[in-house]
N, C-alpha and C. Protein backbone atom coordinates (compact mmCIF):
# COMPACT_ATOMS: atom_id res chain seq x y z
N MET A 1 -27.16 17.25 15.46
CA MET A 1 -27.81 16.01 15.09
C MET A 1 -27.25 14.91 15.97
N ASN A 2 -28.11 14.12 16.59
CA ASN A 2 -27.60 13.02 17.40
C ASN A 2 -27.90 11.69 16.73
N ILE A 3 -27.40 10.63 17.34
CA ILE A 3 -27.54 9.30 16.75
C ILE A 3 -29.00 8.93 16.53
N LEU A 4 -29.87 9.28 17.45
CA LEU A 4 -31.28 8.91 17.31
C LEU A 4 -31.91 9.61 16.10
N GLU A 5 -31.48 10.84 15.81
CA GLU A 5 -32.04 11.57 14.69
C GLU A 5 -31.63 10.99 13.35
N THR A 6 -30.52 10.26 13.30
CA THR A 6 -30.07 9.70 12.03
C THR A 6 -30.90 8.51 11.61
N LYS A 7 -31.48 7.83 12.57
CA LYS A 7 -32.32 6.65 12.33
C LYS A 7 -31.58 5.55 11.57
N LYS A 8 -30.28 5.52 11.69
CA LYS A 8 -29.49 4.45 11.07
C LYS A 8 -29.16 3.43 12.15
N SER A 9 -29.34 2.18 11.82
CA SER A 9 -29.00 1.11 12.75
C SER A 9 -27.50 0.82 12.68
N LYS A 10 -27.03 0.11 13.67
CA LYS A 10 -25.61 -0.29 13.66
C LYS A 10 -25.31 -1.12 12.41
N LYS A 11 -26.26 -1.95 12.01
CA LYS A 11 -26.04 -2.77 10.83
C LYS A 11 -25.95 -1.91 9.56
N GLU A 12 -26.78 -0.88 9.44
CA GLU A 12 -26.71 0.02 8.29
C GLU A 12 -25.36 0.74 8.24
N ILE A 13 -24.91 1.20 9.40
CA ILE A 13 -23.63 1.89 9.47
C ILE A 13 -22.50 0.92 9.15
N PHE A 14 -22.57 -0.30 9.66
CA PHE A 14 -21.58 -1.32 9.33
C PHE A 14 -21.52 -1.53 7.82
N ASN A 15 -22.66 -1.59 7.16
CA ASN A 15 -22.69 -1.81 5.71
C ASN A 15 -22.08 -0.63 4.95
N ILE A 16 -22.24 0.59 5.45
CA ILE A 16 -21.58 1.75 4.84
C ILE A 16 -20.07 1.59 4.95
N ILE A 17 -19.61 1.15 6.12
CA ILE A 17 -18.17 0.92 6.33
C ILE A 17 -17.69 -0.21 5.42
N LYS A 18 -18.49 -1.26 5.30
CA LYS A 18 -18.10 -2.42 4.50
C LYS A 18 -17.97 -2.07 3.02
N GLU A 19 -18.69 -1.06 2.55
CA GLU A 19 -18.52 -0.61 1.16
C GLU A 19 -17.09 -0.13 0.92
N ARG A 20 -16.47 0.45 1.93
CA ARG A 20 -15.10 0.96 1.81
C ARG A 20 -14.07 -0.12 2.14
N ARG A 21 -14.39 -0.99 3.07
CA ARG A 21 -13.48 -2.05 3.53
C ARG A 21 -14.15 -3.40 3.23
N CYS A 22 -14.11 -3.80 1.97
CA CYS A 22 -14.86 -4.95 1.46
C CYS A 22 -14.51 -6.27 2.13
N PHE A 23 -13.32 -6.38 2.68
CA PHE A 23 -12.89 -7.65 3.27
C PHE A 23 -13.60 -7.97 4.59
N LEU A 24 -14.30 -7.02 5.18
CA LEU A 24 -14.96 -7.27 6.46
C LEU A 24 -15.94 -8.42 6.33
N ASP A 25 -16.04 -9.19 7.40
CA ASP A 25 -16.91 -10.36 7.47
C ASP A 25 -18.35 -9.91 7.70
N HIS A 26 -19.17 -10.79 8.21
CA HIS A 26 -20.58 -10.51 8.47
C HIS A 26 -20.76 -9.64 9.71
N PHE A 27 -21.78 -8.82 9.69
CA PHE A 27 -22.09 -7.89 10.77
C PHE A 27 -22.09 -8.58 12.14
N GLU A 28 -22.64 -9.77 12.21
CA GLU A 28 -22.78 -10.48 13.47
C GLU A 28 -21.44 -10.79 14.14
N ASN A 29 -20.35 -10.73 13.38
CA ASN A 29 -19.02 -11.05 13.91
C ASN A 29 -18.31 -9.84 14.52
N TYR A 30 -18.99 -8.70 14.59
CA TYR A 30 -18.35 -7.47 15.06
C TYR A 30 -19.17 -6.83 16.17
N LYS A 31 -18.44 -6.21 17.06
CA LYS A 31 -19.06 -5.32 18.03
C LYS A 31 -18.92 -3.91 17.44
N VAL A 32 -20.04 -3.23 17.27
CA VAL A 32 -20.06 -1.90 16.65
C VAL A 32 -20.40 -0.88 17.73
N LYS A 33 -19.55 0.12 17.86
CA LYS A 33 -19.82 1.19 18.83
C LYS A 33 -19.83 2.51 18.09
N ILE A 34 -20.91 3.25 18.25
CA ILE A 34 -21.07 4.55 17.64
C ILE A 34 -20.96 5.60 18.74
N SER A 35 -19.98 6.45 18.64
CA SER A 35 -19.80 7.49 19.65
C SER A 35 -20.97 8.45 19.60
N ASP A 36 -21.47 8.82 20.76
CA ASP A 36 -22.54 9.81 20.80
C ASP A 36 -22.00 11.21 21.05
N SER A 37 -20.68 11.34 21.00
CA SER A 37 -20.04 12.64 21.19
C SER A 37 -20.11 13.47 19.91
N ASN A 38 -20.29 14.75 20.08
CA ASN A 38 -20.27 15.67 18.94
C ASN A 38 -18.97 16.47 18.92
N ASN A 39 -17.93 15.95 19.56
CA ASN A 39 -16.68 16.69 19.73
C ASN A 39 -15.61 16.34 18.71
N PHE A 40 -15.94 15.63 17.66
CA PHE A 40 -14.94 15.25 16.67
C PHE A 40 -14.94 16.28 15.55
N GLU A 41 -14.05 17.25 15.69
CA GLU A 41 -13.94 18.31 14.70
C GLU A 41 -12.72 18.06 13.83
N LYS A 42 -12.89 18.29 12.56
CA LYS A 42 -11.87 17.98 11.56
C LYS A 42 -10.51 18.58 11.91
N GLU A 43 -10.44 19.86 12.17
CA GLU A 43 -9.15 20.51 12.41
C GLU A 43 -8.45 19.97 13.66
N ASN A 44 -9.23 19.69 14.70
CA ASN A 44 -8.64 19.11 15.92
C ASN A 44 -8.07 17.72 15.63
N LEU A 45 -8.82 16.92 14.89
CA LEU A 45 -8.35 15.57 14.56
C LEU A 45 -7.09 15.62 13.70
N ILE A 46 -7.05 16.52 12.75
CA ILE A 46 -5.86 16.65 11.91
C ILE A 46 -4.65 16.97 12.77
N GLY A 47 -4.79 17.89 13.70
CA GLY A 47 -3.69 18.25 14.60
C GLY A 47 -3.23 17.08 15.44
N ILE A 48 -4.17 16.35 16.01
CA ILE A 48 -3.85 15.19 16.84
C ILE A 48 -3.11 14.13 16.02
N TYR A 49 -3.63 13.85 14.83
CA TYR A 49 -3.01 12.80 14.02
C TYR A 49 -1.67 13.21 13.42
N LYS A 50 -1.44 14.49 13.22
CA LYS A 50 -0.11 14.92 12.77
C LYS A 50 0.92 14.66 13.87
N ILE A 51 0.52 14.89 15.11
CA ILE A 51 1.42 14.58 16.24
C ILE A 51 1.67 13.08 16.32
N ARG A 52 0.61 12.28 16.18
CA ARG A 52 0.77 10.82 16.23
C ARG A 52 1.61 10.31 15.07
N GLN A 53 1.46 10.93 13.90
CA GLN A 53 2.27 10.53 12.75
C GLN A 53 3.74 10.82 13.02
N TYR A 54 4.03 11.98 13.55
CA TYR A 54 5.41 12.34 13.87
C TYR A 54 5.99 11.36 14.89
N SER A 55 5.20 11.01 15.89
CA SER A 55 5.66 10.05 16.90
C SER A 55 5.93 8.68 16.27
N ALA A 56 5.06 8.25 15.36
CA ALA A 56 5.26 6.96 14.68
C ALA A 56 6.53 6.99 13.84
N MET A 57 6.79 8.11 13.17
CA MET A 57 8.02 8.23 12.38
C MET A 57 9.25 8.17 13.28
N ARG A 58 9.21 8.86 14.39
CA ARG A 58 10.36 8.88 15.31
C ARG A 58 10.68 7.52 15.88
N THR A 59 9.66 6.68 16.06
CA THR A 59 9.89 5.35 16.62
C THR A 59 10.12 4.31 15.53
N GLY A 60 10.16 4.75 14.28
CA GLY A 60 10.45 3.83 13.18
C GLY A 60 9.27 3.02 12.71
N ASN A 61 8.06 3.39 13.11
CA ASN A 61 6.87 2.65 12.68
C ASN A 61 6.34 3.29 11.40
N ASN A 62 7.02 2.98 10.30
CA ASN A 62 6.70 3.60 9.02
C ASN A 62 5.31 3.22 8.50
N LYS A 63 4.91 1.99 8.75
CA LYS A 63 3.59 1.55 8.28
C LYS A 63 2.50 2.38 8.95
N LEU A 64 2.58 2.53 10.27
CA LEU A 64 1.59 3.33 10.98
C LEU A 64 1.64 4.78 10.52
N SER A 65 2.82 5.31 10.32
CA SER A 65 2.98 6.67 9.86
C SER A 65 2.28 6.88 8.51
N GLN A 66 2.42 5.93 7.60
CA GLN A 66 1.77 6.03 6.30
C GLN A 66 0.25 5.94 6.44
N GLU A 67 -0.23 5.05 7.32
CA GLU A 67 -1.67 4.91 7.52
C GLU A 67 -2.26 6.19 8.10
N ILE A 68 -1.56 6.78 9.06
CA ILE A 68 -2.02 8.03 9.65
C ILE A 68 -1.97 9.14 8.60
N GLY A 69 -0.95 9.15 7.76
CA GLY A 69 -0.85 10.13 6.68
C GLY A 69 -2.05 10.05 5.74
N ALA A 70 -2.47 8.84 5.42
CA ALA A 70 -3.64 8.66 4.55
C ALA A 70 -4.90 9.18 5.25
N LEU A 71 -5.02 8.92 6.55
CA LEU A 71 -6.17 9.43 7.31
C LEU A 71 -6.17 10.96 7.30
N ILE A 72 -5.02 11.55 7.52
CA ILE A 72 -4.92 13.02 7.52
C ILE A 72 -5.38 13.58 6.17
N LEU A 73 -4.92 12.98 5.08
CA LEU A 73 -5.34 13.45 3.75
C LEU A 73 -6.85 13.34 3.56
N ASP A 74 -7.42 12.23 4.02
CA ASP A 74 -8.87 12.05 3.92
C ASP A 74 -9.61 13.11 4.73
N LEU A 75 -9.11 13.39 5.93
CA LEU A 75 -9.74 14.42 6.77
C LEU A 75 -9.63 15.80 6.12
N GLU A 76 -8.49 16.09 5.53
CA GLU A 76 -8.30 17.38 4.89
C GLU A 76 -9.23 17.58 3.69
N LYS A 77 -9.58 16.50 3.00
CA LYS A 77 -10.49 16.58 1.85
C LYS A 77 -11.95 16.76 2.26
N TYR A 78 -12.28 16.39 3.49
CA TYR A 78 -13.66 16.46 3.97
C TYR A 78 -14.10 17.93 4.02
N GLN A 79 -15.23 18.25 3.43
CA GLN A 79 -15.68 19.63 3.30
C GLN A 79 -16.36 20.18 4.56
N GLU A 80 -16.86 19.32 5.40
CA GLU A 80 -17.56 19.75 6.62
C GLU A 80 -16.58 19.80 7.78
N ASN A 81 -17.09 20.11 8.98
CA ASN A 81 -16.22 20.21 10.15
C ASN A 81 -16.44 19.08 11.15
N LYS A 82 -17.66 18.66 11.37
CA LYS A 82 -17.98 17.65 12.38
C LYS A 82 -17.95 16.25 11.78
N LEU A 83 -17.47 15.31 12.60
CA LEU A 83 -17.44 13.90 12.20
C LEU A 83 -17.99 13.04 13.32
N LYS A 84 -18.36 11.83 12.98
CA LYS A 84 -18.79 10.83 13.96
C LYS A 84 -17.76 9.71 13.98
N LEU A 85 -17.54 9.16 15.16
CA LEU A 85 -16.59 8.06 15.34
C LEU A 85 -17.35 6.76 15.52
N VAL A 86 -16.95 5.76 14.75
CA VAL A 86 -17.51 4.42 14.87
C VAL A 86 -16.35 3.45 15.02
N SER A 87 -16.43 2.55 15.98
CA SER A 87 -15.39 1.54 16.13
C SER A 87 -15.97 0.16 15.87
N LEU A 88 -15.15 -0.69 15.25
CA LEU A 88 -15.51 -2.08 14.98
C LEU A 88 -14.50 -2.97 15.69
N LEU A 89 -14.99 -4.00 16.32
CA LEU A 89 -14.12 -4.93 17.03
C LEU A 89 -14.58 -6.35 16.78
N SER A 90 -13.64 -7.19 16.38
CA SER A 90 -13.89 -8.63 16.30
C SER A 90 -12.71 -9.30 17.00
N ASN A 91 -12.70 -10.61 17.01
CA ASN A 91 -11.63 -11.29 17.75
C ASN A 91 -10.25 -11.13 17.11
N LYS A 92 -10.18 -10.65 15.85
CA LYS A 92 -8.87 -10.45 15.21
C LYS A 92 -8.74 -9.11 14.52
N TYR A 93 -9.67 -8.20 14.75
CA TYR A 93 -9.69 -6.94 14.02
C TYR A 93 -10.20 -5.82 14.91
N TYR A 94 -9.55 -4.64 14.79
CA TYR A 94 -10.04 -3.43 15.45
C TYR A 94 -9.88 -2.28 14.47
N GLY A 95 -10.94 -1.55 14.27
CA GLY A 95 -10.89 -0.41 13.37
C GLY A 95 -11.65 0.77 13.95
N ILE A 96 -11.11 1.97 13.74
CA ILE A 96 -11.84 3.18 14.06
C ILE A 96 -12.10 3.91 12.75
N PHE A 97 -13.32 4.35 12.60
CA PHE A 97 -13.76 4.97 11.37
C PHE A 97 -14.38 6.33 11.69
N TYR A 98 -13.98 7.32 10.91
CA TYR A 98 -14.60 8.63 11.00
C TYR A 98 -15.59 8.73 9.85
N LEU A 99 -16.84 8.97 10.20
CA LEU A 99 -17.90 9.09 9.22
C LEU A 99 -18.40 10.52 9.19
N SER A 100 -19.06 10.87 8.08
CA SER A 100 -19.67 12.19 7.98
C SER A 100 -20.66 12.35 9.13
N GLU A 101 -21.00 13.59 9.43
CA GLU A 101 -21.85 13.87 10.59
C GLU A 101 -23.19 13.14 10.52
N ASN A 102 -23.72 12.94 9.32
CA ASN A 102 -25.00 12.24 9.20
C ASN A 102 -24.82 10.73 8.98
N LEU A 103 -23.62 10.25 9.17
CA LEU A 103 -23.30 8.81 9.14
C LEU A 103 -23.61 8.15 7.80
N ASP A 104 -23.41 8.86 6.69
CA ASP A 104 -23.71 8.25 5.40
C ASP A 104 -22.47 7.98 4.54
N LYS A 105 -21.27 8.37 5.04
CA LYS A 105 -20.06 8.18 4.25
C LYS A 105 -18.85 8.05 5.16
N VAL A 106 -17.97 7.09 4.83
CA VAL A 106 -16.71 6.95 5.56
C VAL A 106 -15.75 8.02 5.04
N ILE A 107 -15.21 8.81 5.98
CA ILE A 107 -14.26 9.86 5.62
C ILE A 107 -12.83 9.32 5.71
N GLY A 108 -12.53 8.58 6.76
CA GLY A 108 -11.21 8.01 6.95
C GLY A 108 -11.23 6.97 8.05
N TYR A 109 -10.12 6.24 8.20
CA TYR A 109 -10.09 5.16 9.19
C TYR A 109 -8.66 4.78 9.50
N LEU A 110 -8.53 4.10 10.63
CA LEU A 110 -7.31 3.39 11.03
C LEU A 110 -7.74 2.01 11.48
N GLU A 111 -6.94 1.01 11.19
CA GLU A 111 -7.32 -0.35 11.58
C GLU A 111 -6.08 -1.18 11.85
N GLN A 112 -6.29 -2.27 12.58
CA GLN A 112 -5.18 -3.18 12.86
C GLN A 112 -5.71 -4.57 13.16
N GLU A 113 -4.88 -5.55 12.88
CA GLU A 113 -5.17 -6.90 13.30
C GLU A 113 -4.79 -7.00 14.77
N ILE A 114 -5.57 -7.75 15.52
CA ILE A 114 -5.27 -7.91 16.94
C ILE A 114 -5.24 -9.39 17.30
N ASP A 115 -4.56 -9.69 18.41
CA ASP A 115 -4.55 -11.06 18.90
C ASP A 115 -5.53 -11.17 20.06
N GLU A 116 -5.64 -12.36 20.64
CA GLU A 116 -6.61 -12.61 21.70
C GLU A 116 -6.36 -11.73 22.93
N ASP A 117 -5.10 -11.51 23.29
CA ASP A 117 -4.79 -10.68 24.45
C ASP A 117 -5.28 -9.25 24.24
N LYS A 118 -5.01 -8.69 23.07
CA LYS A 118 -5.45 -7.34 22.76
C LYS A 118 -6.98 -7.26 22.72
N PHE A 119 -7.60 -8.30 22.18
CA PHE A 119 -9.07 -8.36 22.12
C PHE A 119 -9.64 -8.30 23.53
N ASN A 120 -9.06 -9.07 24.44
CA ASN A 120 -9.55 -9.09 25.81
C ASN A 120 -9.36 -7.74 26.49
N GLN A 121 -8.29 -7.02 26.17
CA GLN A 121 -8.07 -5.69 26.73
C GLN A 121 -9.13 -4.70 26.21
N LEU A 122 -9.46 -4.79 24.93
CA LEU A 122 -10.43 -3.87 24.34
C LEU A 122 -11.84 -4.21 24.72
N PHE A 123 -12.12 -5.48 24.96
CA PHE A 123 -13.48 -5.92 25.23
C PHE A 123 -13.72 -5.81 26.71
């Protein structure tokens, strides 16, 4: 299934994300990018994030380690194998969200506040 087959607009997908992250502002304040890759498989992501969690623990970044741990738990609970990646960017916020393959439910996410320099690097 590709993005065109889902017939969901960026705004619809943003609203699905906003149901989980209620503090998000209006759609117009974000750049929304939906990955068209079908390579996001649950088991691969879990492996990658376990390595990133270990790295965060080793460097003393306990907050990031806990956030990655929550993402891993969410991925492990997901019953399917394929996921879609959606990123949100505003001038003070960056989030990556893993949604179900048909883009109707947020499975897990990581997010951070960013400053103007980081925004310019991402944009």
